[in-house]
Structures are given as C-alpha cells and as structure tokens.
Protein backbone atom coordinates (compact mmCIF):
# COMPACT_ATOMS: atom_id res chain seq x y z
CA MET A 1 230.72 11.94 124.21
CA GLY A 2 233.38 9.59 125.40
CA GLY A 3 234.12 8.22 121.94
CA LEU A 4 234.01 4.79 120.39
CA HIS A 5 234.94 1.80 122.56
CA GLY A 6 234.98 -1.30 120.38
CA GLU A 7 231.50 -1.56 118.93
CA ALA A 8 230.02 0.75 121.56
CA LEU A 9 229.82 4.51 121.90
CA ARG A 10 230.22 5.95 125.37
CA VAL A 11 227.89 8.92 125.97
CA ARG A 12 226.99 10.90 129.08
CA VAL A 13 223.84 12.97 129.30
CA ALA A 14 222.84 15.45 131.99
CA ALA A 15 219.20 14.37 132.21
CA ARG A 16 218.21 12.03 134.99
CA PRO A 17 216.79 8.65 133.99
CA LEU A 18 213.25 9.58 134.99
CA GLU A 19 210.29 8.98 132.68
CA GLY A 20 212.57 8.55 129.65
CA ALA A 21 214.21 12.00 129.90
CA ALA A 22 217.75 10.61 129.57
CA ASN A 23 216.74 8.48 126.58
CA ARG A 24 215.18 11.50 124.84
CA GLU A 25 218.29 13.58 125.50
CA LEU A 26 220.49 10.78 124.11
CA LEU A 27 218.45 10.60 120.90
CA ARG A 28 218.51 14.41 120.47
CA LEU A 29 222.29 14.45 120.95
CA LEU A 30 222.86 11.61 118.49
CA ALA A 31 220.56 13.25 115.94
CA ARG A 32 222.55 16.49 116.15
CA VAL A 33 225.92 14.72 115.86
CA LEU A 34 224.80 12.51 112.98
CA GLY A 35 222.98 15.28 111.13
CA VAL A 36 219.64 13.46 111.04
CA ARG A 37 216.16 14.23 112.35
CA PRO A 38 215.37 12.82 115.80
CA GLY A 39 212.58 10.84 114.13
CA ASP A 40 215.24 8.96 112.15
CA LEU A 41 216.51 7.41 115.39
CA GLU A 42 214.82 4.62 117.30
CA LEU A 43 215.81 3.19 120.65
CA GLU A 44 215.69 -0.53 119.83
CA ALA A 45 216.86 -1.95 123.14
CA GLY A 46 217.93 -0.75 126.56
CA ALA A 47 215.20 1.75 127.38
CA ARG A 48 215.60 0.93 131.07
CA GLY A 49 219.28 0.02 131.17
CA ARG A 50 222.65 1.66 130.76
CA GLU A 51 223.48 -0.16 127.53
CA LYS A 52 221.30 0.84 124.60
CA ARG A 53 220.95 -0.03 120.94
CA VAL A 54 219.85 2.74 118.59
CA ARG A 55 218.68 2.25 114.99
CA VAL A 56 219.56 5.03 112.56
CA ARG A 57 217.42 5.25 109.42
CA GLY A 58 218.61 6.74 106.14
CA LEU A 59 222.35 6.81 106.82
CA PRO A 60 224.92 4.18 105.79
CA ALA A 61 226.90 2.55 108.61
CA GLU A 62 230.18 3.93 107.22
CA THR A 63 228.84 7.50 107.41
CA ILE A 64 227.60 6.96 110.96
CA LEU A 65 231.02 5.71 112.08
CA GLU A 66 232.81 8.61 110.35
CA ARG A 67 230.58 11.21 111.99
CA LEU A 68 230.89 9.62 115.43
CA ALA A 69 234.68 9.37 115.11
CA ALA A 70 234.87 13.06 114.15
CA VAL A 71 233.27 14.14 117.44
CA ARG A 72 236.21 13.25 119.69
C-alpha cells in the first residue's frame, strides 16, 4: 500500500487486470487490512479503470481511516 493521498488510497496489487483478478485481489487485501470479511466490501465504481470506489459495510469511516493510516 502506498498510503493515503488526499481522499484516495494508493494500492498496488500483483494480479494482472484480467477477468477481474486484480479487483478481487484488491478487495481481499482491503478486507485483511480493515479486519472485515471480503463480503463486507463492494466495488462500487471503477471495475475497469485504475481509480476505484469501494464501499465498506459495518465499519465507521473514522475506523476505516485509522486502520488505513496504521498500515504505512
């Protein structure tokens, strides 16, 4: 993870962007970092682009930001 950049999080995954593999790897990584189940994450926008928007269910925004900031 490259850390927070404004309102965005910079993340690199090893999977190639073929048939959604990179998106699945991104969601698994975020689930592990945030301490939630992968099913609690939903790719809302950006399935085919570099910029993505992910919805996290069951976790307050403040907690999400704290956990992401702790990863650096």
